[in-house]
Amino acid sequence: MSRLSTIKDTLHVKAYQEIKPKTICLKPGPRGKISENETAKYLKISRTMVREALLILENEKLAERDHRRGVVVKEANYNRN
């Protein structure tokens, strides 16, 4: 594995680790948009790395892509017994 691919892997993992706790705590709120641009600027990484992190969150069912709004936090689906 080349050094460049290792750095890229690390960057999208960094983005994922920053974004995931916010989606679990429902920040920016249920159905709130996660901005690729703002997240990339905040983490000082490319939007591509942020996009890869968001794909992981989509696969974990924590976020979903809305074609009009971009990526949004999914509403929590709690079982109430």
Protein backbone atom coordinates (compact mmCIF):
# COMPACT_ATOMS: atom_id res chain seq x y z
CA MET A 1 0.00 0.00 0.00
CA SER A 2 1.37 3.39 -0.95
CA ARG A 3 1.81 6.23 1.50
CA LEU A 4 -0.70 8.34 -0.44
CA SER A 5 -3.47 5.74 -0.17
CA THR A 6 -2.75 5.38 3.56
CA ILE A 7 -3.11 9.14 4.03
CA LYS A 8 -6.39 9.16 2.08
CA ASP A 9 -7.74 6.27 4.16
CA THR A 10 -6.80 8.12 7.32
CA LEU A 11 -8.52 11.33 6.20
CA HIS A 12 -11.88 9.77 5.46
CA VAL A 13 -11.70 7.82 8.74
CA LYS A 14 -10.99 11.13 10.53
CA ALA A 15 -14.05 12.67 8.88
CA TYR A 16 -16.18 9.65 9.79
CA GLN A 17 -15.03 9.79 13.43
CA GLU A 18 -15.95 13.49 13.62
CA ILE A 19 -19.32 13.20 11.90
CA LYS A 20 -20.66 9.99 13.46
CA PRO A 21 -21.02 11.22 17.08
CA LYS A 22 -22.88 14.29 15.82
CA THR A 23 -25.36 12.15 13.88
CA ILE A 24 -25.91 9.84 16.87
CA CYS A 25 -26.61 12.85 19.11
CA LEU A 26 -28.90 14.15 16.35
CA LYS A 27 -26.85 17.26 15.65
CA PRO A 28 -27.72 19.01 13.32
CA GLY A 29 -31.05 17.48 14.38
CA PRO A 30 -33.27 14.84 12.84
CA ARG A 31 -33.63 15.49 9.14
CA GLY A 32 -30.91 18.13 9.47
CA LYS A 33 -28.55 18.52 6.54
CA ILE A 34 -24.89 17.60 6.83
CA SER A 35 -22.95 20.05 4.68
CA GLU A 36 -20.06 18.51 2.77
CA ASN A 37 -18.51 21.94 2.21
CA GLU A 38 -18.72 23.07 5.84
CA THR A 39 -17.48 19.73 7.16
CA ALA A 40 -14.55 19.69 4.73
CA LYS A 41 -13.61 23.24 5.67
CA TYR A 42 -13.90 22.50 9.42
CA LEU A 43 -11.77 19.34 9.17
CA LYS A 44 -9.40 20.89 6.61
CA ILE A 45 -9.79 17.97 4.21
CA SER A 46 -11.29 17.51 0.76
CA ARG A 47 -14.99 17.07 0.08
CA THR A 48 -14.15 13.69 -1.42
CA MET A 49 -12.98 12.43 1.98
CA VAL A 50 -16.12 13.84 3.61
CA ARG A 51 -18.26 12.14 0.96
CA GLU A 52 -16.58 8.79 1.67
CA ALA A 53 -17.26 9.23 5.39
CA LEU A 54 -20.90 10.07 4.69
CA LEU A 55 -21.24 6.92 2.59
CA ILE A 56 -20.19 4.89 5.62
CA LEU A 57 -22.84 6.66 7.72
CA GLU A 58 -25.43 5.93 5.04
CA ASN A 59 -24.46 2.25 5.11
CA GLU A 60 -24.86 2.30 8.91
CA LYS A 61 -28.37 3.79 8.44
CA LEU A 62 -27.42 6.93 10.42
CA ALA A 63 -27.80 9.25 7.44
CA GLU A 64 -29.51 9.17 4.10
CA ARG A 65 -29.10 10.96 0.80
CA ASP A 66 -32.00 13.23 -0.11
CA HIS A 67 -31.71 14.25 -3.75
CA ARG A 68 -33.08 17.74 -3.02
CA ARG A 69 -31.22 18.47 0.22
CA GLY A 70 -28.05 16.34 0.16
CA VAL A 71 -27.15 14.09 3.10
CA VAL A 72 -29.43 14.32 6.11
CA VAL A 73 -29.44 12.74 9.56
CA LYS A 74 -32.02 9.97 9.82
CA GLU A 75 -34.65 10.25 12.49
CA ALA A 76 -34.11 7.90 15.41
CA ASN A 77 -36.44 4.92 15.37
CA TYR A 78 -36.69 3.89 18.99
CA ASN A 79 -38.80 0.94 20.11
CA ARG A 80 -40.97 2.12 22.96
CA ASN A 81 -42.20 -0.71 25.12
